[in-house]
Amino acid sequence: MYQFLVSFTVQPDHRDDFVRAARRTARDSLANEPGSHRFEVIADEETRMSST
């Protein structure tokens, strides 16, 4: 079994697009990658509105 943890820093004005793309990737991975059982998209809500 393989497990991956990745972290991204997304500018606030691109957050919604990024979340849509991540959810689409999760859906497609579960549907099309044999052996994939779980794909989670987790957001840090504390830094959701921060700007850099």
N, C-alpha and C. Protein backbone atom coordinates (compact mmCIF):
# COMPACT_ATOMS: atom_id res chain seq x y z
N MET A 1 0.84 -1.17 0.00
CA MET A 1 0.00 0.00 0.00
C MET A 1 0.89 1.24 0.00
N TYR A 2 0.48 2.22 -0.77
CA TYR A 2 1.20 3.49 -0.82
C TYR A 2 0.30 4.58 -0.28
N GLN A 3 0.95 5.54 0.34
CA GLN A 3 0.21 6.67 0.90
C GLN A 3 1.01 7.92 0.60
N PHE A 4 0.32 8.96 0.16
CA PHE A 4 0.98 10.21 -0.17
C PHE A 4 0.35 11.34 0.62
N LEU A 5 1.18 12.24 1.08
CA LEU A 5 0.72 13.46 1.73
C LEU A 5 1.43 14.61 1.04
N VAL A 6 0.65 15.51 0.49
CA VAL A 6 1.23 16.67 -0.19
C VAL A 6 0.65 17.94 0.41
N SER A 7 1.39 19.00 0.28
CA SER A 7 0.95 20.28 0.82
C SER A 7 1.12 21.34 -0.27
N PHE A 8 0.12 22.19 -0.40
CA PHE A 8 0.15 23.27 -1.38
C PHE A 8 -0.15 24.58 -0.68
N THR A 9 0.47 25.63 -1.14
CA THR A 9 0.11 26.97 -0.70
C THR A 9 -0.59 27.62 -1.90
N VAL A 10 -1.83 28.00 -1.71
CA VAL A 10 -2.64 28.54 -2.79
C VAL A 10 -3.05 29.96 -2.43
N GLN A 11 -2.86 30.85 -3.36
CA GLN A 11 -3.28 32.23 -3.14
C GLN A 11 -4.80 32.28 -2.96
N PRO A 12 -5.28 33.11 -2.05
CA PRO A 12 -6.72 33.15 -1.76
C PRO A 12 -7.61 33.33 -2.99
N ASP A 13 -7.18 34.11 -3.95
CA ASP A 13 -8.03 34.34 -5.12
C ASP A 13 -8.06 33.15 -6.08
N HIS A 14 -7.25 32.13 -5.83
CA HIS A 14 -7.25 30.91 -6.65
C HIS A 14 -7.77 29.69 -5.88
N ARG A 15 -8.17 29.89 -4.64
CA ARG A 15 -8.56 28.78 -3.78
C ARG A 15 -9.73 27.97 -4.36
N ASP A 16 -10.77 28.62 -4.78
CA ASP A 16 -11.95 27.91 -5.28
C ASP A 16 -11.61 27.06 -6.52
N ASP A 17 -10.81 27.62 -7.42
CA ASP A 17 -10.39 26.85 -8.60
C ASP A 17 -9.55 25.65 -8.20
N PHE A 18 -8.67 25.86 -7.24
CA PHE A 18 -7.81 24.76 -6.79
C PHE A 18 -8.64 23.64 -6.15
N VAL A 19 -9.58 24.01 -5.31
CA VAL A 19 -10.42 23.01 -4.65
C VAL A 19 -11.24 22.24 -5.68
N ARG A 20 -11.78 22.92 -6.67
CA ARG A 20 -12.53 22.23 -7.74
C ARG A 20 -11.63 21.23 -8.47
N ALA A 21 -10.43 21.65 -8.80
CA ALA A 21 -9.50 20.76 -9.50
C ALA A 21 -9.10 19.58 -8.63
N ALA A 22 -8.87 19.82 -7.34
CA ALA A 22 -8.50 18.73 -6.43
C ALA A 22 -9.64 17.73 -6.28
N ARG A 23 -10.84 18.22 -6.18
CA ARG A 23 -12.00 17.31 -6.08
C ARG A 23 -12.20 16.51 -7.35
N ARG A 24 -11.99 17.13 -8.50
CA ARG A 24 -12.09 16.43 -9.77
C ARG A 24 -11.01 15.33 -9.86
N THR A 25 -9.80 15.68 -9.44
CA THR A 25 -8.71 14.70 -9.43
C THR A 25 -9.04 13.54 -8.50
N ALA A 26 -9.60 13.84 -7.34
CA ALA A 26 -9.98 12.78 -6.41
C ALA A 26 -11.03 11.86 -7.03
N ARG A 27 -12.04 12.43 -7.62
CA ARG A 27 -13.10 11.64 -8.25
C ARG A 27 -12.54 10.76 -9.36
N ASP A 28 -11.72 11.35 -10.21
CA ASP A 28 -11.14 10.60 -11.33
C ASP A 28 -10.19 9.51 -10.86
N SER A 29 -9.42 9.79 -9.84
CA SER A 29 -8.50 8.78 -9.31
C SER A 29 -9.26 7.58 -8.77
N LEU A 30 -10.30 7.84 -8.02
CA LEU A 30 -11.09 6.73 -7.46
C LEU A 30 -11.79 5.93 -8.55
N ALA A 31 -12.20 6.61 -9.62
CA ALA A 31 -12.93 5.93 -10.69
C ALA A 31 -12.01 5.19 -11.65
N ASN A 32 -10.80 5.68 -11.84
CA ASN A 32 -9.96 5.17 -12.93
C ASN A 32 -8.64 4.53 -12.52
N GLU A 33 -8.28 4.59 -11.27
CA GLU A 33 -7.00 4.02 -10.83
C GLU A 33 -7.28 2.78 -9.98
N PRO A 34 -7.07 1.61 -10.57
CA PRO A 34 -7.34 0.37 -9.83
C PRO A 34 -6.57 0.34 -8.50
N GLY A 35 -7.27 -0.06 -7.46
CA GLY A 35 -6.65 -0.15 -6.14
C GLY A 35 -6.77 1.11 -5.31
N SER A 36 -7.23 2.20 -5.93
CA SER A 36 -7.42 3.43 -5.16
C SER A 36 -8.72 3.31 -4.37
N HIS A 37 -8.61 3.47 -3.07
CA HIS A 37 -9.78 3.31 -2.20
C HIS A 37 -10.15 4.61 -1.50
N ARG A 38 -9.21 5.54 -1.46
CA ARG A 38 -9.48 6.75 -0.70
C ARG A 38 -8.65 7.90 -1.25
N PHE A 39 -9.23 9.07 -1.31
CA PHE A 39 -8.54 10.26 -1.76
C PHE A 39 -9.16 11.41 -0.99
N GLU A 40 -8.40 12.02 -0.12
CA GLU A 40 -8.94 13.08 0.71
C GLU A 40 -8.36 14.43 0.30
N VAL A 41 -9.20 15.43 0.33
CA VAL A 41 -8.79 16.81 0.12
C VAL A 41 -9.11 17.54 1.41
N ILE A 42 -8.07 18.01 2.07
CA ILE A 42 -8.22 18.64 3.38
C ILE A 42 -7.69 20.06 3.30
N ALA A 43 -8.44 21.01 3.84
CA ALA A 43 -8.03 22.42 3.82
C ALA A 43 -7.82 22.92 5.24
N ASP A 44 -6.84 23.76 5.39
CA ASP A 44 -6.58 24.42 6.67
C ASP A 44 -7.43 25.68 6.71
N GLU A 45 -8.53 25.60 7.39
CA GLU A 45 -9.47 26.72 7.41
C GLU A 45 -8.91 27.94 8.15
N GLU A 46 -7.94 27.76 9.02
CA GLU A 46 -7.36 28.89 9.74
C GLU A 46 -6.62 29.84 8.81
N THR A 47 -6.03 29.31 7.76
CA THR A 47 -5.26 30.15 6.84
C THR A 47 -6.04 30.42 5.56
N ARG A 48 -7.30 30.06 5.55
CA ARG A 48 -8.11 30.21 4.34
C ARG A 48 -8.10 31.63 3.79
N MET A 49 -8.21 32.61 4.64
CA MET A 49 -8.33 33.97 4.18
C MET A 49 -7.03 34.76 4.29
N SER A 50 -5.94 34.09 4.58
CA SER A 50 -4.68 34.82 4.69
C SER A 50 -4.20 35.25 3.32
N SER A 51 -3.44 36.30 3.29
CA SER A 51 -2.88 36.75 2.01
C SER A 51 -1.39 36.91 2.17
N THR A 52 -0.68 36.54 1.13
CA THR A 52 0.78 36.68 1.14
C THR A 52 1.24 37.37 -0.10
